[in-house]
Amino acid sequence: MIGFLGNVYLWVKAAHVAFVIFWMAGLFMLPRFYAYHQEAERGTPEWARWIERERRLITIILNPAMMMVWALGLALLVNIGAAGEGWFHAKFAAVLLLSAYHGWMVGYARKLAEGRGLVSGRTMRLLNEVPGLATAVIVVLVIVKPF
């Protein structure tokens, strides 16, 4: 392969896709966790278990996966030189929005642990669709390169 990654380009690309899958899996799970957490009674052992589950999902899967997605994705960007392409600008915007969604979700875990959850379970279930829609858009942009 051409670029500074040379023969490891495809390995980096494969790792990037794998970490995207881990990140999306975590982002699919977290709103569901919140919906179930909010249905538990505050101060009960079940409430505490949800706080721990959310903490583990965030610290063991979500945050590391997002960091790897960004690191590997930026390496791929530099390698292929796509920064001037229209499809890349749209993809980058979608990934930025998804990262903001990630940040909001992680912040909500803190609020919920403190008993300040303000979003209904129904809304959380709807928010559960955001990663899937973002993934569909990003995949089309990367594979089809419509502009």
N, C-alpha and C. Protein backbone atom coordinates (compact mmCIF):
# COMPACT_ATOMS: atom_id res chain seq x y z
N MET A 1 0.84 -1.20 0.00
CA MET A 1 0.00 0.00 0.00
C MET A 1 0.87 1.24 0.00
N ILE A 2 0.33 2.29 -0.56
CA ILE A 2 1.02 3.57 -0.59
C ILE A 2 0.73 4.32 0.71
N GLY A 3 1.61 5.19 1.09
CA GLY A 3 1.42 5.99 2.30
C GLY A 3 2.36 5.53 3.39
N PHE A 4 2.38 6.28 4.46
CA PHE A 4 3.32 5.97 5.53
C PHE A 4 3.02 4.66 6.25
N LEU A 5 1.78 4.16 6.15
CA LEU A 5 1.45 2.90 6.82
C LEU A 5 1.99 1.69 6.07
N GLY A 6 2.26 1.87 4.80
CA GLY A 6 2.84 0.78 4.00
C GLY A 6 2.03 -0.49 4.06
N ASN A 7 2.70 -1.59 4.35
CA ASN A 7 2.06 -2.91 4.36
C ASN A 7 1.11 -3.13 5.53
N VAL A 8 1.14 -2.27 6.53
CA VAL A 8 0.22 -2.44 7.67
C VAL A 8 -1.09 -1.68 7.47
N TYR A 9 -1.24 -1.00 6.34
CA TYR A 9 -2.46 -0.23 6.07
C TYR A 9 -3.71 -1.07 6.29
N LEU A 10 -3.79 -2.24 5.68
CA LEU A 10 -4.99 -3.06 5.81
C LEU A 10 -5.21 -3.53 7.24
N TRP A 11 -4.14 -3.76 8.00
CA TRP A 11 -4.26 -4.14 9.41
C TRP A 11 -4.83 -2.98 10.23
N VAL A 12 -4.36 -1.79 9.94
CA VAL A 12 -4.87 -0.60 10.64
C VAL A 12 -6.34 -0.37 10.29
N LYS A 13 -6.66 -0.55 9.03
CA LYS A 13 -8.05 -0.40 8.59
C LYS A 13 -8.95 -1.44 9.27
N ALA A 14 -8.49 -2.68 9.34
CA ALA A 14 -9.26 -3.74 10.00
C ALA A 14 -9.45 -3.43 11.48
N ALA A 15 -8.41 -2.96 12.14
CA ALA A 15 -8.51 -2.61 13.56
C ALA A 15 -9.49 -1.45 13.74
N HIS A 16 -9.43 -0.47 12.84
CA HIS A 16 -10.35 0.67 12.91
C HIS A 16 -11.80 0.18 12.85
N VAL A 17 -12.10 -0.69 11.90
CA VAL A 17 -13.47 -1.21 11.76
C VAL A 17 -13.87 -2.01 13.00
N ALA A 18 -12.96 -2.82 13.54
CA ALA A 18 -13.28 -3.60 14.74
C ALA A 18 -13.60 -2.68 15.92
N PHE A 19 -12.80 -1.63 16.11
CA PHE A 19 -13.06 -0.71 17.22
C PHE A 19 -14.33 0.11 17.00
N VAL A 20 -14.66 0.39 15.74
CA VAL A 20 -15.95 1.04 15.45
C VAL A 20 -17.08 0.14 15.92
N ILE A 21 -16.97 -1.16 15.65
CA ILE A 21 -18.01 -2.11 16.08
C ILE A 21 -18.13 -2.12 17.59
N PHE A 22 -17.00 -2.15 18.30
CA PHE A 22 -17.03 -2.13 19.78
C PHE A 22 -17.70 -0.85 20.28
N TRP A 23 -17.32 0.28 19.67
CA TRP A 23 -17.86 1.57 20.08
C TRP A 23 -19.37 1.61 19.86
N MET A 24 -19.82 1.18 18.68
CA MET A 24 -21.25 1.20 18.38
C MET A 24 -22.02 0.25 19.29
N ALA A 25 -21.44 -0.92 19.57
CA ALA A 25 -22.11 -1.85 20.48
C ALA A 25 -22.34 -1.20 21.84
N GLY A 26 -21.32 -0.52 22.34
CA GLY A 26 -21.46 0.18 23.62
C GLY A 26 -22.48 1.30 23.56
N LEU A 27 -22.49 2.04 22.45
CA LEU A 27 -23.46 3.13 22.31
C LEU A 27 -24.88 2.62 22.13
N PHE A 28 -25.03 1.39 21.62
CA PHE A 28 -26.36 0.78 21.55
C PHE A 28 -26.82 0.34 22.95
N MET A 29 -25.89 -0.13 23.75
CA MET A 29 -26.23 -0.65 25.07
C MET A 29 -26.54 0.44 26.10
N LEU A 30 -25.76 1.51 26.08
CA LEU A 30 -25.84 2.51 27.14
C LEU A 30 -27.23 3.12 27.32
N PRO A 31 -27.91 3.58 26.26
CA PRO A 31 -29.26 4.14 26.49
C PRO A 31 -30.24 3.12 27.06
N ARG A 32 -30.08 1.85 26.66
CA ARG A 32 -30.94 0.80 27.23
C ARG A 32 -30.65 0.63 28.72
N PHE A 33 -29.37 0.64 29.06
CA PHE A 33 -29.00 0.57 30.48
C PHE A 33 -29.67 1.71 31.25
N TYR A 34 -29.61 2.92 30.69
CA TYR A 34 -30.21 4.07 31.36
C TYR A 34 -31.72 3.91 31.52
N ALA A 35 -32.37 3.41 30.49
CA ALA A 35 -33.82 3.22 30.56
C ALA A 35 -34.16 2.26 31.69
N TYR A 36 -33.43 1.14 31.79
CA TYR A 36 -33.69 0.17 32.85
C TYR A 36 -33.28 0.72 34.22
N HIS A 37 -32.18 1.44 34.26
CA HIS A 37 -31.69 2.03 35.50
C HIS A 37 -32.75 2.97 36.08
N GLN A 38 -33.33 3.80 35.22
CA GLN A 38 -34.32 4.77 35.68
C GLN A 38 -35.58 4.11 36.20
N GLU A 39 -35.83 2.88 35.78
CA GLU A 39 -37.00 2.15 36.25
C GLU A 39 -36.78 1.53 37.63
N ALA A 40 -35.51 1.43 38.04
CA ALA A 40 -35.19 0.87 39.37
C ALA A 40 -35.45 1.93 40.44
N GLU A 41 -35.68 1.47 41.63
CA GLU A 41 -35.92 2.40 42.75
C GLU A 41 -34.59 2.92 43.28
N ARG A 42 -34.52 4.23 43.45
CA ARG A 42 -33.29 4.86 43.94
C ARG A 42 -32.90 4.29 45.30
N GLY A 43 -31.59 4.12 45.47
CA GLY A 43 -31.06 3.66 46.75
C GLY A 43 -31.10 2.16 46.97
N THR A 44 -31.66 1.41 46.03
CA THR A 44 -31.74 -0.04 46.19
C THR A 44 -30.47 -0.68 45.64
N PRO A 45 -30.23 -1.94 46.00
CA PRO A 45 -29.09 -2.66 45.42
C PRO A 45 -29.15 -2.71 43.89
N GLU A 46 -30.36 -2.82 43.33
CA GLU A 46 -30.50 -2.84 41.88
C GLU A 46 -30.02 -1.51 41.28
N TRP A 47 -30.38 -0.40 41.91
CA TRP A 47 -29.93 0.93 41.45
C TRP A 47 -28.40 0.98 41.44
N ALA A 48 -27.78 0.49 42.50
CA ALA A 48 -26.31 0.49 42.59
C ALA A 48 -25.69 -0.40 41.53
N ARG A 49 -26.32 -1.54 41.24
CA ARG A 49 -25.80 -2.43 40.20
C ARG A 49 -25.82 -1.76 38.83
N TRP A 50 -26.88 -0.99 38.54
CA TRP A 50 -26.94 -0.28 37.26
C TRP A 50 -25.84 0.76 37.15
N ILE A 51 -25.56 1.45 38.24
CA ILE A 51 -24.47 2.44 38.24
C ILE A 51 -23.15 1.75 37.92
N GLU A 52 -22.90 0.61 38.52
CA GLU A 52 -21.66 -0.14 38.28
C GLU A 52 -21.60 -0.68 36.85
N ARG A 53 -22.70 -1.20 36.36
CA ARG A 53 -22.74 -1.69 34.97
C ARG A 53 -22.41 -0.57 33.99
N GLU A 54 -23.03 0.57 34.19
CA GLU A 54 -22.79 1.72 33.31
C GLU A 54 -21.33 2.17 33.39
N ARG A 55 -20.79 2.23 34.60
CA ARG A 55 -19.40 2.64 34.77
C ARG A 55 -18.46 1.69 34.02
N ARG A 56 -18.70 0.40 34.16
CA ARG A 56 -17.85 -0.58 33.47
C ARG A 56 -17.97 -0.48 31.95
N LEU A 57 -19.18 -0.35 31.46
CA LEU A 57 -19.38 -0.22 30.01
C LEU A 57 -18.62 0.99 29.48
N ILE A 58 -18.71 2.09 30.20
CA ILE A 58 -18.05 3.33 29.77
C ILE A 58 -16.53 3.20 29.84
N THR A 59 -16.02 2.70 30.95
CA THR A 59 -14.56 2.71 31.15
C THR A 59 -13.85 1.54 30.46
N ILE A 60 -14.52 0.42 30.30
CA ILE A 60 -13.86 -0.76 29.72
C ILE A 60 -14.08 -0.86 28.21
N ILE A 61 -15.24 -0.42 27.73
CA ILE A 61 -15.55 -0.58 26.30
C ILE A 61 -15.64 0.76 25.58
N LEU A 62 -16.56 1.60 26.00
CA LEU A 62 -16.86 2.81 25.23
C LEU A 62 -15.70 3.78 25.07
N ASN A 63 -15.14 4.25 26.17
CA ASN A 63 -14.07 5.24 26.06
C ASN A 63 -12.83 4.71 25.34
N PRO A 64 -12.34 3.52 25.69
CA PRO A 64 -11.17 3.01 24.94
C PRO A 64 -11.47 2.79 23.45
N ALA A 65 -12.66 2.28 23.14
CA ALA A 65 -13.00 2.03 21.73
C ALA A 65 -13.05 3.35 20.96
N MET A 66 -13.66 4.38 21.54
CA MET A 66 -13.72 5.66 20.84
C MET A 66 -12.32 6.24 20.62
N MET A 67 -11.47 6.13 21.61
CA MET A 67 -10.10 6.65 21.45
C MET A 67 -9.36 5.91 20.34
N MET A 68 -9.53 4.59 20.27
CA MET A 68 -8.88 3.82 19.21
C MET A 68 -9.46 4.16 17.84
N VAL A 69 -10.78 4.34 17.77
CA VAL A 69 -11.41 4.73 16.50
C VAL A 69 -10.80 6.03 16.01
N TRP A 70 -10.67 7.01 16.89
CA TRP A 70 -10.10 8.29 16.50
C TRP A 70 -8.64 8.16 16.09
N ALA A 71 -7.85 7.47 16.90
CA ALA A 71 -6.42 7.34 16.60
C ALA A 71 -6.19 6.61 15.27
N LEU A 72 -6.85 5.49 15.10
CA LEU A 72 -6.68 4.72 13.87
C LEU A 72 -7.28 5.45 12.67
N GLY A 73 -8.42 6.09 12.87
CA GLY A 73 -9.05 6.83 11.79
C GLY A 73 -8.20 8.00 11.31
N LEU A 74 -7.57 8.70 12.25
CA LEU A 74 -6.69 9.81 11.85
C LEU A 74 -5.46 9.29 11.11
N ALA A 75 -4.94 8.14 11.55
CA ALA A 75 -3.80 7.53 10.84
C ALA A 75 -4.21 7.17 9.41
N LEU A 76 -5.39 6.61 9.25
CA LEU A 76 -5.88 6.25 7.91
C LEU A 76 -6.09 7.51 7.06
N LEU A 77 -6.61 8.55 7.67
CA LEU A 77 -6.82 9.80 6.96
C LEU A 77 -5.50 10.34 6.39
N VAL A 78 -4.50 10.40 7.25
CA VAL A 78 -3.19 10.90 6.81
C VAL A 78 -2.63 9.99 5.72
N ASN A 79 -2.80 8.69 5.89
CA ASN A 79 -2.25 7.74 4.92
C ASN A 79 -2.87 7.89 3.53
N ILE A 80 -4.19 8.05 3.47
CA ILE A 80 -4.84 8.11 2.15
C ILE A 80 -5.01 9.54 1.64
N GLY A 81 -4.81 10.53 2.50
CA GLY A 81 -4.90 11.91 2.08
C GLY A 81 -6.29 12.34 1.63
N ALA A 82 -7.31 11.94 2.36
CA ALA A 82 -8.69 12.23 1.96
C ALA A 82 -9.22 13.54 2.53
N ALA A 83 -8.40 14.31 3.23
CA ALA A 83 -8.89 15.50 3.92
C ALA A 83 -9.57 16.51 3.00
N GLY A 84 -9.25 16.52 1.73
CA GLY A 84 -9.86 17.47 0.81
C GLY A 84 -11.10 16.96 0.11
N GLU A 85 -11.51 15.75 0.40
CA GLU A 85 -12.64 15.12 -0.29
C GLU A 85 -13.97 15.46 0.40
N GLY A 86 -15.00 15.70 -0.39
CA GLY A 86 -16.31 16.04 0.15
C GLY A 86 -16.90 14.96 1.03
N TRP A 87 -16.80 13.71 0.60
CA TRP A 87 -17.34 12.61 1.39
C TRP A 87 -16.67 12.56 2.76
N PHE A 88 -15.35 12.87 2.80
CA PHE A 88 -14.65 12.83 4.08
C PHE A 88 -15.15 13.93 5.01
N HIS A 89 -15.40 15.11 4.49
CA HIS A 89 -15.89 16.21 5.33
C HIS A 89 -17.22 15.81 5.98
N ALA A 90 -18.10 15.21 5.20
CA ALA A 90 -19.39 14.76 5.73
C ALA A 90 -19.20 13.66 6.77
N LYS A 91 -18.30 12.72 6.48
CA LYS A 91 -18.03 11.64 7.43
C LYS A 91 -17.46 12.22 8.72
N PHE A 92 -16.51 13.14 8.60
CA PHE A 92 -15.88 13.74 9.77
C PHE A 92 -16.92 14.46 10.62
N ALA A 93 -17.85 15.17 9.97
CA ALA A 93 -18.93 15.85 10.71
C ALA A 93 -19.80 14.83 11.44
N ALA A 94 -20.12 13.72 10.78
CA ALA A 94 -20.94 12.68 11.42
C ALA A 94 -20.22 12.06 12.61
N VAL A 95 -18.92 11.84 12.47
CA VAL A 95 -18.14 11.25 13.58
C VAL A 95 -18.02 12.25 14.73
N LEU A 96 -17.88 13.52 14.42
CA LEU A 96 -17.86 14.55 15.48
C LEU A 96 -19.19 14.56 16.24
N LEU A 97 -20.30 14.51 15.51
CA LEU A 97 -21.61 14.48 16.16
C LEU A 97 -21.78 13.22 17.00
N LEU A 98 -21.32 12.09 16.49
CA LEU A 98 -21.40 10.84 17.24
C LEU A 98 -20.53 10.91 18.50
N SER A 99 -19.39 11.56 18.40
CA SER A 99 -18.52 11.74 19.57
C SER A 99 -19.18 12.66 20.60
N ALA A 100 -19.88 13.69 20.12
CA ALA A 100 -20.62 14.57 21.04
C ALA A 100 -21.75 13.79 21.73
N TYR A 101 -22.43 12.95 20.97
CA TYR A 101 -23.47 12.08 21.54
C TYR A 101 -22.86 11.18 22.61
N HIS A 102 -21.71 10.60 22.32
CA HIS A 102 -20.98 9.78 23.29
C HIS A 102 -20.72 10.59 24.56
N GLY A 103 -20.21 11.81 24.40
CA GLY A 103 -19.91 12.66 25.55
C GLY A 103 -21.15 12.97 26.37
N TRP A 104 -22.26 13.25 25.69
CA TRP A 104 -23.50 13.53 26.40
C TRP A 104 -23.96 12.31 27.17
N MET A 105 -23.86 11.14 26.53
CA MET A 105 -24.28 9.90 27.19
C MET A 105 -23.43 9.61 28.43
N VAL A 106 -22.13 9.82 28.31
CA VAL A 106 -21.25 9.58 29.47
C VAL A 106 -21.58 10.57 30.59
N GLY A 107 -21.82 11.82 30.23
CA GLY A 107 -22.20 12.81 31.24
C GLY A 107 -23.53 12.47 31.90
N TYR A 108 -24.44 11.90 31.13
CA TYR A 108 -25.73 11.51 31.69
C TYR A 108 -25.58 10.41 32.75
N ALA A 109 -24.58 9.56 32.59
CA ALA A 109 -24.33 8.51 33.59
C ALA A 109 -24.06 9.14 34.96
N ARG A 110 -23.29 10.21 34.97
CA ARG A 110 -23.00 10.90 36.23
C ARG A 110 -24.27 11.48 36.83
N LYS A 111 -25.06 12.13 35.99
CA LYS A 111 -26.31 12.72 36.47
C LYS A 111 -27.24 11.65 37.02
N LEU A 112 -27.36 10.56 36.30
CA LEU A 112 -28.25 9.49 36.71
C LEU A 112 -27.77 8.87 38.03
N ALA A 113 -26.47 8.69 38.17
CA ALA A 113 -25.92 8.13 39.42
C ALA A 113 -26.23 9.04 40.61
N GLU A 114 -26.31 10.34 40.35
CA GLU A 114 -26.63 11.30 41.41
C GLU A 114 -28.14 11.45 41.61
N GLY A 115 -28.93 10.72 40.82
CA GLY A 115 -30.38 10.79 40.93
C GLY A 115 -30.99 11.96 40.18
N ARG A 116 -30.26 12.51 39.22
CA ARG A 116 -30.74 13.67 38.47
C ARG A 116 -31.09 13.31 37.03
N GLY A 117 -31.55 12.09 36.80
CA GLY A 117 -31.93 11.69 35.45
C GLY A 117 -33.19 12.40 35.01
N LEU A 118 -33.12 13.13 33.92
CA LEU A 118 -34.24 13.95 33.46
C LEU A 118 -34.89 13.43 32.19
N VAL A 119 -34.27 12.47 31.54
CA VAL A 119 -34.76 11.97 30.26
C VAL A 119 -35.61 10.73 30.51
N SER A 120 -36.78 10.68 29.88
CA SER A 120 -37.67 9.54 30.09
C SER A 120 -37.09 8.27 29.47
N GLY A 121 -37.58 7.13 29.96
CA GLY A 121 -37.17 5.85 29.41
C GLY A 121 -37.52 5.74 27.93
N ARG A 122 -38.66 6.28 27.55
CA ARG A 122 -39.07 6.26 26.14
C ARG A 122 -38.09 7.05 25.28
N THR A 123 -37.70 8.22 25.77
CA THR A 123 -36.74 9.03 25.03
C THR A 123 -35.40 8.32 24.92
N MET A 124 -34.98 7.65 26.00
CA MET A 124 -33.73 6.89 25.96
C MET A 124 -33.81 5.78 24.92
N ARG A 125 -34.95 5.15 24.82
CA ARG A 125 -35.11 4.09 23.83
C ARG A 125 -35.04 4.66 22.41
N LEU A 126 -35.54 5.87 22.22
CA LEU A 126 -35.43 6.54 20.92
C LEU A 126 -33.99 6.96 20.64
N LEU A 127 -33.30 7.46 21.67
CA LEU A 127 -31.90 7.85 21.52
C LEU A 127 -31.03 6.65 21.17
N ASN A 128 -31.52 5.48 21.49
CA ASN A 128 -30.81 4.25 21.19
C ASN A 128 -30.60 4.07 19.67
N GLU A 129 -31.41 4.77 18.87
CA GLU A 129 -31.33 4.65 17.41
C GLU A 129 -30.25 5.54 16.79
N VAL A 130 -29.77 6.52 17.53
CA VAL A 130 -28.79 7.47 16.99
C VAL A 130 -27.53 6.78 16.44
N PRO A 131 -26.89 5.86 17.19
CA PRO A 131 -25.68 5.22 16.65
C PRO A 131 -25.94 4.44 15.36
N GLY A 132 -27.08 3.79 15.27
CA GLY A 132 -27.40 3.03 14.06
C GLY A 132 -27.56 3.92 12.85
N LEU A 133 -28.26 5.03 13.01
CA LEU A 133 -28.44 5.97 11.91
C LEU A 133 -27.10 6.58 11.51
N ALA A 134 -26.31 6.97 12.50
CA ALA A 134 -24.99 7.55 12.21
C ALA A 134 -24.11 6.54 11.48
N THR A 135 -24.14 5.30 11.91
CA THR A 135 -23.34 4.26 11.27
C THR A 135 -23.76 4.07 9.81
N ALA A 136 -25.06 4.05 9.56
CA ALA A 136 -25.53 3.89 8.18
C ALA A 136 -25.04 5.03 7.29
N VAL A 137 -25.14 6.24 7.79
CA VAL A 137 -24.67 7.40 7.02
C VAL A 137 -23.18 7.31 6.76
N ILE A 138 -22.41 7.00 7.79
CA ILE A 138 -20.95 6.94 7.66
C ILE A 138 -20.54 5.83 6.69
N VAL A 139 -21.16 4.68 6.78
CA VAL A 139 -20.81 3.57 5.89
C VAL A 139 -21.09 3.97 4.43
N VAL A 140 -22.22 4.59 4.17
CA VAL A 140 -22.52 5.02 2.80
C VAL A 140 -21.47 6.04 2.33
N LEU A 141 -21.13 6.99 3.18
CA LEU A 141 -20.14 8.00 2.79
C LEU A 141 -18.79 7.38 2.45
N VAL A 142 -18.37 6.39 3.26
CA VAL A 142 -17.05 5.79 3.06
C VAL A 142 -17.02 4.83 1.87
N ILE A 143 -18.07 4.05 1.70
CA ILE A 143 -18.09 3.03 0.64
C ILE A 143 -18.50 3.64 -0.71
N VAL A 144 -19.57 4.40 -0.73
CA VAL A 144 -20.09 4.94 -1.98
C VAL A 144 -19.36 6.21 -2.40
N LYS A 145 -18.92 6.99 -1.42
CA LYS A 145 -18.27 8.29 -1.69
C LYS A 145 -19.13 9.11 -2.66
N PRO A 146 -20.35 9.49 -2.25
CA PRO A 146 -21.27 10.14 -3.16
C PRO A 146 -20.85 11.53 -3.64
N PHE A 147 -19.91 12.14 -2.97
CA PHE A 147 -19.41 13.45 -3.41
C PHE A 147 -18.02 13.69 -2.90
